[in-house]
């Protein structure tokens, strides 16, 4: 009887031991299958694929100050640009801003992981992020980064990356992009031009085309295909890049928007720039007696705007004169 009991107990223990081995094997296989494509050491160091952000076409910043869309004029997407802000209005981006952003993302350190599920998305304010960065690189691949609330107790923040299915608790990034406004992102200069990617520049008045230069086979020519002086073209492009706004109109009321929109229906001038970024058209119109309700200390100035703008750039008359030349002056 004891021998039989001992034999039955041994069999039971062997069965249990075998079941445990099978369970462990299955668990290991499942775990390995879930993490096969994830380099945990790399993710703890930095989940952001910064190598993919070294050559960019565009960057959109969304924070409590608004949305800022900037495009890279460099033909191969080098971060040095120069960069052109296109929203909320055309302005040249500060020379080092994009490189600073990528450098700050390059040294992110992860503290812990959280599941990407609704309760965590809400708890960490990722459904209403304090900052969103949308990168598009030179291969047309997009990466969206969302930053949630900053925890004042342990000075940490929460990050969600569009290419990962995790939420990361991180050390806050070194620059406070969640509070960056136009003054920190852009210069007072209007245009960021890159001669290598420019195709044509045309200046039109109410009379029609006043001035047009275009590039053919790497050489600048006028509208009659007559060659232009390279040095004079460079000086002209520099004059364009030196155009500065003296003020920016934003947060206008409906009366003011209607007043400006009516002026822009028949602009005095139109500037068309075709480049590797596509075709951009800028309407320029004169304001002789100010704008209702705005304390602008100038009675005679110009408004520059792109189509469907909600804010507008103000230019001195002398700034507009930089555009008033003839093609034969560049021969």
C-alpha atoms as a PDB file:
ATOM      1  CA  UNK A   1       0.000   0.000   0.000  1.00  0.00           C
ATOM      2  CA  UNK A   2       2.814   2.407   0.942  1.00  0.00           C
ATOM      3  CA  UNK A   3       4.660   1.436  -2.213  1.00  0.00           C
ATOM      4  CA  UNK A   4       1.594   2.171  -4.316  1.00  0.00           C
ATOM      5  CA  UNK A   5       1.045   5.527  -2.583  1.00  0.00           C
ATOM      6  CA  UNK A   6       4.699   6.429  -3.074  1.00  0.00           C
ATOM      7  CA  UNK A   7       4.477   5.535  -6.751  1.00  0.00           C
ATOM      8  CA  UNK A   8       1.286   7.577  -7.214  1.00  0.00           C
ATOM      9  CA  UNK A   9       2.850  10.606  -5.456  1.00  0.00           C
ATOM     10  CA  UNK A  10       5.968  10.389  -7.615  1.00  0.00           C
ATOM     11  CA  UNK A  11       3.863  10.230 -10.760  1.00  0.00           C
ATOM     12  CA  UNK A  12       1.837  13.235  -9.612  1.00  0.00           C
ATOM     13  CA  UNK A  13       5.003  15.243  -8.834  1.00  0.00           C
ATOM     14  CA  UNK A  14       6.462  14.372 -12.235  1.00  0.00           C
ATOM     15  CA  UNK A  15       3.249  15.434 -13.911  1.00  0.00           C
ATOM     16  CA  UNK A  16       3.212  18.729 -12.016  1.00  0.00           C
ATOM     17  CA  UNK A  17       6.906  19.326 -12.791  1.00  0.00           C
ATOM     18  CA  UNK A  18       6.285  18.601 -16.472  1.00  0.00           C
ATOM     19  CA  UNK A  19       3.306  20.959 -16.530  1.00  0.00           C
ATOM     20  CA  UNK A  20       5.439  23.740 -14.999  1.00  0.00           C
ATOM     21  CA  UNK A  21       8.165  23.189 -17.620  1.00  0.00           C
ATOM     22  CA  UNK A  22       5.611  23.366 -20.432  1.00  0.00           C
ATOM     23  CA  UNK A  23       4.090  26.550 -18.935  1.00  0.00           C
ATOM     24  CA  UNK A  24       7.494  28.197 -18.574  1.00  0.00           C
ATOM     25  CA  UNK A  25       8.423  27.254 -22.144  1.00  0.00           C
ATOM     26  CA  UNK A  26       5.184  28.690 -23.506  1.00  0.00           C
ATOM     27  CA  UNK A  27       5.577  31.861 -21.413  1.00  0.00           C
ATOM     28  CA  UNK A  28       9.147  32.322 -22.597  1.00  0.00           C
ATOM     29  CA  UNK A  29       8.108  31.828 -26.206  1.00  0.00           C
ATOM     30  CA  UNK A  30       5.274  34.347 -25.914  1.00  0.00           C
ATOM     31  CA  UNK A  31       7.467  36.891 -24.100  1.00  0.00           C
ATOM     32  CA  UNK A  32      10.207  36.470 -26.643  1.00  0.00           C
ATOM     33  CA  UNK A  33       7.727  36.918 -29.479  1.00  0.00           C
ATOM     34  CA  UNK A  34       6.436  40.182 -27.999  1.00  0.00           C
ATOM     35  CA  UNK A  35       9.821  41.733 -27.434  1.00  0.00           C
ATOM     36  CA  UNK A  36      11.754  40.347 -30.381  1.00  0.00           C
ATOM     37  CA  UNK A  37      11.600  43.666 -32.268  1.00  0.00           C
ATOM     38  CA  UNK A  38      12.256  45.895 -29.256  1.00  0.00           C
ATOM     39  CA  UNK A  39      15.714  46.775 -28.039  1.00  0.00           C
ATOM     40  CA  UNK A  40      14.882  47.400 -24.372  1.00  0.00           C
ATOM     41  CA  UNK A  41      18.318  48.797 -23.574  1.00  0.00           C
ATOM     42  CA  UNK A  42      18.005  51.321 -26.394  1.00  0.00           C
ATOM     43  CA  UNK A  43      14.466  52.297 -25.413  1.00  0.00           C
ATOM     44  CA  UNK A  44      15.518  52.936 -21.814  1.00  0.00           C
ATOM     45  CA  UNK A  45      18.312  55.114 -23.130  1.00  0.00           C
ATOM     46  CA  UNK A  46      16.104  56.993 -25.602  1.00  0.00           C
ATOM     47  CA  UNK A  47      12.967  55.783 -27.447  1.00  0.00           C
ATOM     48  CA  UNK A  48      13.179  58.549 -30.063  1.00  0.00           C
ATOM     49  CA  UNK A  49      14.891  57.490 -33.322  1.00  0.00           C
ATOM     50  CA  UNK A  50      17.001  60.660 -33.527  1.00  0.00           C
ATOM     51  CA  UNK A  51      19.024  59.168 -36.383  1.00  0.00           C
ATOM     52  CA  UNK A  52      15.835  59.538 -38.462  1.00  0.00           C
ATOM     53  CA  UNK A  53      15.614  63.238 -37.559  1.00  0.00           C
ATOM     54  CA  UNK A  54      18.978  64.319 -38.951  1.00  0.00           C
ATOM     55  CA  UNK A  55      17.549  65.218 -42.375  1.00  0.00           C
ATOM     56  CA  UNK A  56      14.148  66.898 -42.174  1.00  0.00           C
ATOM     57  CA  UNK A  57      11.651  68.427 -44.578  1.00  0.00           C
ATOM     58  CA  UNK A  58       9.331  69.996 -42.026  1.00  0.00           C
ATOM     59  CA  UNK A  59       8.558  70.400 -38.345  1.00  0.00           C
ATOM     60  CA  UNK A  60       5.257  71.396 -36.767  1.00  0.00           C
ATOM     61  CA  UNK A  61       5.197  72.569 -33.150  1.00  0.00           C
ATOM     62  CA  UNK A  62       1.852  72.683 -31.319  1.00  0.00           C
ATOM     63  CA  UNK A  63       1.695  74.100 -27.805  1.00  0.00           C
ATOM     64  CA  UNK A  64      -0.387  76.468 -25.693  1.00  0.00           C
ATOM     65  CA  UNK A  65       0.869  79.389 -27.779  1.00  0.00           C
ATOM     66  CA  UNK A  66      -0.498  77.968 -31.044  1.00  0.00           C
ATOM     67  CA  UNK A  67       0.740  75.987 -34.035  1.00  0.00           C
ATOM     68  CA  UNK A  68       3.983  76.736 -35.856  1.00  0.00           C
ATOM     69  CA  UNK A  69       4.745  75.010 -39.153  1.00  0.00           C
ATOM     70  CA  UNK A  70       8.248  75.395 -40.543  1.00  0.00           C
ATOM     71  CA  UNK A  71       9.790  74.017 -43.735  1.00  0.00           C
ATOM     72  CA  UNK A  72      13.426  73.299 -44.498  1.00  0.00           C
ATOM     73  CA  UNK A  73      14.837  75.032 -47.580  1.00  0.00           C
ATOM     74  CA  UNK A  74      17.982  72.873 -47.630  1.00  0.00           C
ATOM     75  CA  UNK A  75      17.965  70.585 -50.663  1.00  0.00           C
ATOM     76  CA  UNK A  76      19.102  67.491 -48.715  1.00  0.00           C
ATOM     77  CA  UNK A  77      17.252  68.251 -45.490  1.00  0.00           C
ATOM     78  CA  UNK A  78      20.269  69.345 -43.434  1.00  0.00           C
ATOM     79  CA  UNK A  79      19.119  70.720 -40.078  1.00  0.00           C
ATOM     80  CA  UNK A  80      21.019  73.969 -40.639  1.00  0.00           C
ATOM     81  CA  UNK A  81      18.331  74.983 -43.139  1.00  0.00           C
ATOM     82  CA  UNK A  82      17.630  77.840 -43.391  1.00  0.00           C
ATOM     83  CA  UNK A  83      14.060  77.203 -42.257  1.00  0.00           C
ATOM     84  CA  UNK A  84      10.955  79.077 -43.380  1.00  0.00           C
ATOM     85  CA  UNK A  85       7.987  79.478 -41.054  1.00  0.00           C
ATOM     86  CA  UNK A  86       4.773  79.138 -43.080  1.00  0.00           C
ATOM     87  CA  UNK A  87       2.182  79.137 -40.275  1.00  0.00           C
ATOM     88  CA  UNK A  88       0.857  81.238 -38.668  1.00  0.00           C
ATOM     89  CA  UNK A  89       2.653  83.657 -41.036  1.00  0.00           C
ATOM     90  CA  UNK A  90       5.777  83.702 -43.187  1.00  0.00           C
ATOM     91  CA  UNK A  91       8.888  84.492 -41.172  1.00  0.00           C
ATOM     92  CA  UNK A  92      12.420  83.183 -41.124  1.00  0.00           C
ATOM     93  CA  UNK A  93      13.011  80.637 -38.339  1.00  0.00           C
ATOM     94  CA  UNK A  94      15.856  81.402 -35.935  1.00  0.00           C
ATOM     95  CA  UNK A  95      19.005  79.783 -37.249  1.00  0.00           C
ATOM     96  CA  UNK A  96      19.646  77.271 -34.467  1.00  0.00           C
ATOM     97  CA  UNK A  97      16.156  76.433 -33.193  1.00  0.00           C
ATOM     98  CA  UNK A  98      15.612  73.100 -35.022  1.00  0.00           C
ATOM     99  CA  UNK A  99      19.105  71.819 -34.219  1.00  0.00           C
ATOM    100  CA  UNK A 100      18.511  72.678 -30.538  1.00  0.00           C
ATOM    101  CA  UNK A 101      15.242  70.739 -30.543  1.00  0.00           C
ATOM    102  CA  UNK A 102      16.812  67.630 -32.091  1.00  0.00           C
ATOM    103  CA  UNK A 103      19.813  67.873 -29.732  1.00  0.00           C
ATOM    104  CA  UNK A 104      17.469  68.057 -26.713  1.00  0.00           C
ATOM    105  CA  UNK A 105      15.552  64.985 -27.920  1.00  0.00           C
ATOM    106  CA  UNK A 106      18.833  63.151 -28.415  1.00  0.00           C
ATOM    107  CA  UNK A 107      19.566  63.052 -24.663  1.00  0.00           C
ATOM    108  CA  UNK A 108      16.170  61.968 -23.329  1.00  0.00           C
ATOM    109  CA  UNK A 109      16.370  59.448 -20.489  1.00  0.00           C
ATOM    110  CA  UNK A 110      13.528  57.067 -19.666  1.00  0.00           C
ATOM    111  CA  UNK A 111      12.573  56.353 -16.045  1.00  0.00           C
ATOM    112  CA  UNK A 112       9.758  53.857 -16.526  1.00  0.00           C
ATOM    113  CA  UNK A 113       7.188  52.390 -18.917  1.00  0.00           C
ATOM    114  CA  UNK A 114       3.405  52.545 -18.848  1.00  0.00           C
ATOM    115  CA  UNK A 115       0.835  50.800 -21.016  1.00  0.00           C
ATOM    116  CA  UNK A 116      -0.662  52.793 -23.852  1.00  0.00           C
ATOM    117  CA  UNK A 117      -4.256  52.569 -22.669  1.00  0.00           C
ATOM    118  CA  UNK A 118      -7.042  55.136 -22.217  1.00  0.00           C
ATOM    119  CA  UNK A 119      -6.718  55.538 -18.448  1.00  0.00           C
ATOM    120  CA  UNK A 120      -2.993  56.285 -18.709  1.00  0.00           C
ATOM    121  CA  UNK A 121      -3.419  58.564 -21.730  1.00  0.00           C
ATOM    122  CA  UNK A 122      -5.876  60.646 -19.697  1.00  0.00           C
ATOM    123  CA  UNK A 123      -3.970  60.475 -16.410  1.00  0.00           C
ATOM    124  CA  UNK A 124      -0.749  61.722 -18.006  1.00  0.00           C
ATOM    125  CA  UNK A 125      -2.545  64.429 -20.076  1.00  0.00           C
ATOM    126  CA  UNK A 126      -1.537  62.867 -23.385  1.00  0.00           C
ATOM    127  CA  UNK A 127      -5.094  63.342 -24.657  1.00  0.00           C
ATOM    128  CA  UNK A 128      -4.497  67.076 -24.209  1.00  0.00           C
ATOM    129  CA  UNK A 129      -0.708  67.319 -24.563  1.00  0.00           C
ATOM    130  CA  UNK A 130       1.272  70.347 -23.478  1.00  0.00           C
ATOM    131  CA  UNK A 131       3.468  69.903 -26.551  1.00  0.00           C
ATOM    132  CA  UNK A 132       3.249  68.052 -29.860  1.00  0.00           C
ATOM    133  CA  UNK A 133       6.120  67.789 -32.341  1.00  0.00           C
ATOM    134  CA  UNK A 134       5.442  66.438 -35.817  1.00  0.00           C
ATOM    135  CA  UNK A 135       8.599  65.731 -37.822  1.00  0.00           C
ATOM    136  CA  UNK A 136       8.699  64.755 -41.490  1.00  0.00           C
ATOM    137  CA  UNK A 137      12.094  63.605 -42.709  1.00  0.00           C
ATOM    138  CA  UNK A 138      13.616  63.626 -46.192  1.00  0.00           C
ATOM    139  CA  UNK A 139      12.156  60.161 -46.849  1.00  0.00           C
ATOM    140  CA  UNK A 140       8.618  61.446 -46.149  1.00  0.00           C
ATOM    141  CA  UNK A 141       8.453  59.427 -42.935  1.00  0.00           C
ATOM    142  CA  UNK A 142       6.613  61.166 -40.097  1.00  0.00           C
ATOM    143  CA  UNK A 143       7.237  60.966 -36.355  1.00  0.00           C
ATOM    144  CA  UNK A 144       4.836  62.516 -33.859  1.00  0.00           C
ATOM    145  CA  UNK A 145       5.937  63.138 -30.295  1.00  0.00           C
ATOM    146  CA  UNK A 146       3.450  64.120 -27.594  1.00  0.00           C
ATOM    147  CA  UNK A 147       4.467  65.467 -24.209  1.00  0.00           C
ATOM    148  CA  UNK A 148       2.045  65.239 -21.288  1.00  0.00           C
ATOM    149  CA  UNK A 149       2.044  66.946 -17.942  1.00  0.00           C
ATOM    150  CA  UNK A 150       5.166  67.622 -15.884  1.00  0.00           C
ATOM    151  CA  UNK A 151       4.989  65.954 -12.468  1.00  0.00           C
ATOM    152  CA  UNK A 152       6.172  68.605  -9.973  1.00  0.00           C
ATOM    153  CA  UNK A 153       6.781  66.012  -7.238  1.00  0.00           C
ATOM    154  CA  UNK A 154       9.535  64.073  -8.995  1.00  0.00           C
ATOM    155  CA  UNK A 155      10.168  66.511 -11.879  1.00  0.00           C
ATOM    156  CA  UNK A 156       9.314  64.040 -14.627  1.00  0.00           C
ATOM    157  CA  UNK A 157       7.245  64.193 -17.778  1.00  0.00           C
ATOM    158  CA  UNK A 158       5.371  61.714 -19.974  1.00  0.00           C
ATOM    159  CA  UNK A 159       6.026  61.051 -23.630  1.00  0.00           C
ATOM    160  CA  UNK A 160       4.154  59.197 -26.351  1.00  0.00           C
ATOM    161  CA  UNK A 161       5.804  58.407 -29.668  1.00  0.00           C
ATOM    162  CA  UNK A 162       3.684  57.546 -32.724  1.00  0.00           C
ATOM    163  CA  UNK A 163       5.983  54.640 -33.656  1.00  0.00           C
ATOM    164  CA  UNK A 164       5.841  52.983 -30.207  1.00  0.00           C
ATOM    165  CA  UNK A 165       2.992  51.417 -28.215  1.00  0.00           C
ATOM    166  CA  UNK A 166       4.284  52.563 -24.833  1.00  0.00           C
ATOM    167  CA  UNK A 167       4.067  55.661 -22.651  1.00  0.00           C
ATOM    168  CA  UNK A 168       7.419  56.739 -21.270  1.00  0.00           C
ATOM    169  CA  UNK A 169       8.072  58.565 -18.027  1.00  0.00           C
ATOM    170  CA  UNK A 170      11.117  60.716 -18.752  1.00  0.00           C
ATOM    171  CA  UNK A 171      13.307  63.476 -17.419  1.00  0.00           C
ATOM    172  CA  UNK A 172      11.896  66.743 -18.831  1.00  0.00           C
ATOM    173  CA  UNK A 173      13.623  67.887 -22.014  1.00  0.00           C
ATOM    174  CA  UNK A 174      16.144  70.683 -21.607  1.00  0.00           C
ATOM    175  CA  UNK A 175      14.224  73.377 -23.492  1.00  0.00           C
ATOM    176  CA  UNK A 176      10.696  74.459 -22.524  1.00  0.00           C
ATOM    177  CA  UNK A 177       9.111  74.037 -25.940  1.00  0.00           C
ATOM    178  CA  UNK A 178       5.639  73.877 -24.397  1.00  0.00           C
ATOM    179  CA  UNK A 179       5.844  77.652 -23.827  1.00  0.00           C
ATOM    180  CA  UNK A 180       7.712  78.714 -26.988  1.00  0.00           C
ATOM    181  CA  UNK A 181       5.985  81.509 -28.870  1.00  0.00           C
ATOM    182  CA  UNK A 182       6.603  83.306 -32.145  1.00  0.00           C
ATOM    183  CA  UNK A 183       9.281  85.562 -30.668  1.00  0.00           C
ATOM    184  CA  UNK A 184      11.367  82.548 -29.608  1.00  0.00           C
ATOM    185  CA  UNK A 185      10.873  80.615 -32.844  1.00  0.00           C
ATOM    186  CA  UNK A 186      11.136  83.245 -35.596  1.00  0.00           C
ATOM    187  CA  UNK A 187      13.158  86.296 -36.563  1.00  0.00           C
ATOM    188  CA  UNK A 188      11.794  89.623 -37.764  1.00  0.00           C
ATOM    189  CA  UNK A 189      13.127  88.794 -41.257  1.00  0.00           C
ATOM    190  CA  UNK A 190      10.393  87.459 -43.522  1.00  0.00           C
ATOM    191  CA  UNK A 191      12.069  85.111 -45.998  1.00  0.00           C
ATOM    192  CA  UNK A 192      14.416  82.150 -45.722  1.00  0.00           C
ATOM    193  CA  UNK A 193      15.833  81.600 -49.196  1.00  0.00           C
ATOM    194  CA  UNK A 194      18.188  78.935 -50.437  1.00  0.00           C
ATOM    195  CA  UNK A 195      19.532  79.653 -53.907  1.00  0.00           C
ATOM    196  CA  UNK A 196      20.207  75.965 -54.546  1.00  0.00           C
ATOM    197  CA  UNK A 197      16.515  75.106 -54.286  1.00  0.00           C
ATOM    198  CA  UNK A 198      15.059  78.243 -55.907  1.00  0.00           C
ATOM    199  CA  UNK A 199      13.445  77.913 -59.344  1.00  0.00           C
ATOM    200  CA  UNK A 200      11.907  81.309 -59.992  1.00  0.00           C
ATOM    201  CA  UNK A 201      10.939  84.649 -58.442  1.00  0.00           C
ATOM    202  CA  UNK A 202       8.263  86.894 -59.910  1.00  0.00           C
ATOM    203  CA  UNK A 203       6.986  90.283 -58.769  1.00  0.00           C
ATOM    204  CA  UNK A 204       3.606  91.413 -60.115  1.00  0.00           C
ATOM    205  CA  UNK A 205       1.696  94.666 -59.811  1.00  0.00           C
ATOM    206  CA  UNK A 206      -1.787  95.673 -60.891  1.00  0.00           C
ATOM    207  CA  UNK A 207      -0.305  96.156 -64.375  1.00  0.00           C
ATOM    208  CA  UNK A 208       0.949  92.567 -64.599  1.00  0.00           C
ATOM    209  CA  UNK A 209       4.414  91.005 -64.297  1.00  0.00           C
ATOM    210  CA  UNK A 210       6.993  93.640 -63.383  1.00  0.00           C
ATOM    211  CA  UNK A 211       9.944  91.377 -62.811  1.00  0.00           C
ATOM    212  CA  UNK A 212      10.750  87.698 -63.236  1.00  0.00           C
ATOM    213  CA  UNK A 213      13.926  85.669 -62.920  1.00  0.00           C
ATOM    214  CA  UNK A 214      14.185  81.921 -63.235  1.00  0.00           C
ATOM    215  CA  UNK A 215      16.803  79.240 -63.135  1.00  0.00           C
ATOM    216  CA  UNK A 216      17.476  77.057 -66.161  1.00  0.00           C
ATOM    217  CA  UNK A 217      20.209  74.438 -66.180  1.00  0.00           C
ATOM    218  CA  UNK A 218      21.739  76.056 -63.108  1.00  0.00           C
ATOM    219  CA  UNK A 219      21.879  79.538 -64.680  1.00  0.00           C
ATOM    220  CA  UNK A 220      19.656  82.518 -63.841  1.00  0.00           C
ATOM    221  CA  UNK A 221      17.806  84.070 -66.796  1.00  0.00           C
ATOM    222  CA  UNK A 222      15.089  86.680 -67.249  1.00  0.00           C
ATOM    223  CA  UNK A 223      11.646  86.159 -68.768  1.00  0.00           C
ATOM    224  CA  UNK A 224      13.236  86.365 -72.235  1.00  0.00           C
ATOM    225  CA  UNK A 225      15.805  83.650 -71.407  1.00  0.00           C
ATOM    226  CA  UNK A 226      18.589  86.231 -71.336  1.00  0.00           C
ATOM    227  CA  UNK A 227      21.404  85.383 -68.921  1.00  0.00           C
ATOM    228  CA  UNK A 228      21.760  87.403 -65.699  1.00  0.00           C
ATOM    229  CA  UNK A 229      24.798  88.409 -63.655  1.00  0.00           C
ATOM    230  CA  UNK A 230      25.444  85.863 -60.890  1.00  0.00           C
ATOM    231  CA  UNK A 231      26.825  88.450 -58.439  1.00  0.00           C
ATOM    232  CA  UNK A 232      23.848  90.771 -58.974  1.00  0.00           C
ATOM    233  CA  UNK A 233      21.423  87.869 -58.453  1.00  0.00           C
ATOM    234  CA  UNK A 234      23.095  87.020 -55.143  1.00  0.00           C
ATOM    235  CA  UNK A 235      22.828  90.658 -54.035  1.00  0.00           C
ATOM    236  CA  UNK A 236      19.155  90.719 -55.000  1.00  0.00           C
ATOM    237  CA  UNK A 237      18.451  87.533 -53.044  1.00  0.00           C
ATOM    238  CA  UNK A 238      20.219  89.070 -50.060  1.00  0.00           C
ATOM    239  CA  UNK A 239      17.971  92.125 -50.349  1.00  0.00           C
ATOM    240  CA  UNK A 240      14.969  89.823 -50.237  1.00  0.00           C
ATOM    241  CA  UNK A 241      16.310  88.053 -47.177  1.00  0.00           C
ATOM    242  CA  UNK A 242      16.936  91.386 -45.463  1.00  0.00           C
ATOM    243  CA  UNK A 243      13.255  92.365 -45.633  1.00  0.00           C
ATOM    244  CA  UNK A 244      11.968  92.690 -42.070  1.00  0.00           C
ATOM    245  CA  UNK A 245       8.562  93.156 -40.529  1.00  0.00           C
ATOM    246  CA  UNK A 246       8.103  95.983 -38.030  1.00  0.00           C
ATOM    247  CA  UNK A 247       5.029  94.358 -36.508  1.00  0.00           C
ATOM    248  CA  UNK A 248       2.770  91.299 -36.685  1.00  0.00           C
ATOM    249  CA  UNK A 249      -0.995  91.529 -36.442  1.00  0.00           C
ATOM    250  CA  UNK A 250      -2.706  88.642 -34.663  1.00  0.00           C
ATOM    251  CA  UNK A 251      -5.767  88.097 -32.462  1.00  0.00           C
ATOM    252  CA  UNK A 252      -7.761  90.514 -34.588  1.00  0.00           C
ATOM    253  CA  UNK A 253     -11.475  91.049 -34.094  1.00  0.00           C
ATOM    254  CA  UNK A 254     -13.954  90.371 -36.891  1.00  0.00           C
ATOM    255  CA  UNK A 255     -14.123  94.013 -37.984  1.00  0.00           C
ATOM    256  CA  UNK A 256     -10.348  94.219 -38.338  1.00  0.00           C
ATOM    257  CA  UNK A 257     -10.146  90.900 -40.210  1.00  0.00           C
ATOM    258  CA  UNK A 258     -12.864  92.016 -42.605  1.00  0.00           C
ATOM    259  CA  UNK A 259     -11.070  95.338 -43.184  1.00  0.00           C
ATOM    260  CA  UNK A 260      -7.758  93.620 -44.025  1.00  0.00           C
ATOM    261  CA  UNK A 261      -9.382  90.890 -46.109  1.00  0.00           C
ATOM    262  CA  UNK A 262     -11.070  93.542 -48.240  1.00  0.00           C
ATOM    263  CA  UNK A 263      -7.726  95.281 -48.807  1.00  0.00           C
ATOM    264  CA  UNK A 264      -6.117  92.011 -49.837  1.00  0.00           C
ATOM    265  CA  UNK A 265      -8.822  91.247 -52.412  1.00  0.00           C
ATOM    266  CA  UNK A 266      -7.020  93.629 -54.767  1.00  0.00           C
ATOM    267  CA  UNK A 267      -3.383  93.623 -53.614  1.00  0.00           C
ATOM    268  CA  UNK A 268      -1.017  96.275 -54.934  1.00  0.00           C
ATOM    269  CA  UNK A 269       1.647  93.616 -55.488  1.00  0.00           C
ATOM    270  CA  UNK A 270       2.058  89.857 -55.538  1.00  0.00           C
ATOM    271  CA  UNK A 271       5.333  88.041 -54.933  1.00  0.00           C
ATOM    272  CA  UNK A 272       5.594  84.477 -56.267  1.00  0.00           C
ATOM    273  CA  UNK A 273       8.456  82.240 -55.230  1.00  0.00           C
ATOM    274  CA  UNK A 274       8.802  78.725 -56.652  1.00  0.00           C
ATOM    275  CA  UNK A 275      11.344  76.465 -54.985  1.00  0.00           C
ATOM    276  CA  UNK A 276      11.880  72.938 -53.769  1.00  0.00           C
ATOM    277  CA  UNK A 277       9.202  73.704 -51.154  1.00  0.00           C
ATOM    278  CA  UNK A 278       6.648  74.299 -53.887  1.00  0.00           C
ATOM    279  CA  UNK A 279       4.964  77.501 -55.018  1.00  0.00           C
ATOM    280  CA  UNK A 280       4.414  80.288 -52.485  1.00  0.00           C
ATOM    281  CA  UNK A 281       2.381  83.400 -53.239  1.00  0.00           C
ATOM    282  CA  UNK A 282       2.461  86.522 -51.058  1.00  0.00           C
ATOM    283  CA  UNK A 283      -0.062  89.354 -51.370  1.00  0.00           C
ATOM    284  CA  UNK A 284       1.223  92.841 -50.534  1.00  0.00           C
ATOM    285  CA  UNK A 285      -1.145  95.770 -50.174  1.00  0.00           C
ATOM    286  CA  UNK A 286      -0.855  99.326 -48.924  1.00  0.00           C
ATOM    287  CA  UNK A 287      -2.583 100.741 -45.844  1.00  0.00           C
ATOM    288  CA  UNK A 288      -2.720 104.537 -45.948  1.00  0.00           C
ATOM    289  CA  UNK A 289      -4.811 105.508 -42.946  1.00  0.00           C
ATOM    290  CA  UNK A 290      -4.238 102.783 -40.373  1.00  0.00           C
ATOM    291  CA  UNK A 291      -6.446  99.889 -39.297  1.00  0.00           C
ATOM    292  CA  UNK A 292      -9.600 100.464 -37.201  1.00  0.00           C
ATOM    293  CA  UNK A 293      -8.974 100.030 -33.491  1.00  0.00           C
ATOM    294  CA  UNK A 294      -5.218  99.355 -33.758  1.00  0.00           C
ATOM    295  CA  UNK A 295      -2.709 101.835 -32.266  1.00  0.00           C
ATOM    296  CA  UNK A 296      -0.147 101.588 -35.076  1.00  0.00           C
ATOM    297  CA  UNK A 297       2.236 104.542 -35.146  1.00  0.00           C
ATOM    298  CA  UNK A 298       2.455 104.592 -38.929  1.00  0.00           C
ATOM    299  CA  UNK A 299       0.052 106.111 -41.413  1.00  0.00           C
ATOM    300  CA  UNK A 300       1.571 104.555 -44.480  1.00  0.00           C
ATOM    301  CA  UNK A 301       2.692 100.922 -44.567  1.00  0.00           C
ATOM    302  CA  UNK A 302       2.119  97.613 -46.329  1.00  0.00           C
ATOM    303  CA  UNK A 303       0.531  94.341 -45.243  1.00  0.00           C
ATOM    304  CA  UNK A 304       2.080  91.069 -46.429  1.00  0.00           C
ATOM    305  CA  UNK A 305       0.089  87.852 -46.189  1.00  0.00           C
ATOM    306  CA  UNK A 306      -0.237  84.399 -47.651  1.00  0.00           C
ATOM    307  CA  UNK A 307      -3.627  83.102 -48.715  1.00  0.00           C
ATOM    308  CA  UNK A 308      -6.078  82.304 -45.911  1.00  0.00           C
ATOM    309  CA  UNK A 309      -3.852  83.946 -43.301  1.00  0.00           C
ATOM    310  CA  UNK A 310      -5.311  84.782 -39.908  1.00  0.00           C
ATOM    311  CA  UNK A 311      -2.388  87.013 -38.942  1.00  0.00           C
ATOM    312  CA  UNK A 312      -0.475  89.508 -41.006  1.00  0.00           C
ATOM    313  CA  UNK A 313       2.989  91.049 -41.355  1.00  0.00           C
ATOM    314  CA  UNK A 314       3.485  94.803 -41.548  1.00  0.00           C
ATOM    315  CA  UNK A 315       6.251  96.213 -43.757  1.00  0.00           C
ATOM    316  CA  UNK A 316       7.714  99.693 -44.166  1.00  0.00           C
ATOM    317  CA  UNK A 317       7.488 101.218 -47.614  1.00  0.00           C
ATOM    318  CA  UNK A 318      11.295 100.983 -47.901  1.00  0.00           C
ATOM    319  CA  UNK A 319      11.115  97.227 -47.399  1.00  0.00           C
ATOM    320  CA  UNK A 320       8.739  96.849 -50.340  1.00  0.00           C
ATOM    321  CA  UNK A 321      11.004  98.965 -52.523  1.00  0.00           C
ATOM    322  CA  UNK A 322      13.571  96.167 -52.363  1.00  0.00           C
ATOM    323  CA  UNK A 323      11.283  94.270 -54.734  1.00  0.00           C
ATOM    324  CA  UNK A 324      10.779  97.102 -57.196  1.00  0.00           C
ATOM    325  CA  UNK A 325      13.507  96.416 -59.729  1.00  0.00           C
ATOM    326  CA  UNK A 326      13.636  95.438 -63.367  1.00  0.00           C
ATOM    327  CA  UNK A 327      15.177  92.273 -64.750  1.00  0.00           C
ATOM    328  CA  UNK A 328      17.657  94.284 -66.869  1.00  0.00           C
ATOM    329  CA  UNK A 329      19.157  95.715 -63.668  1.00  0.00           C
ATOM    330  CA  UNK A 330      20.544  92.221 -62.987  1.00  0.00           C
ATOM    331  CA  UNK A 331      22.360  91.787 -66.278  1.00  0.00           C
END
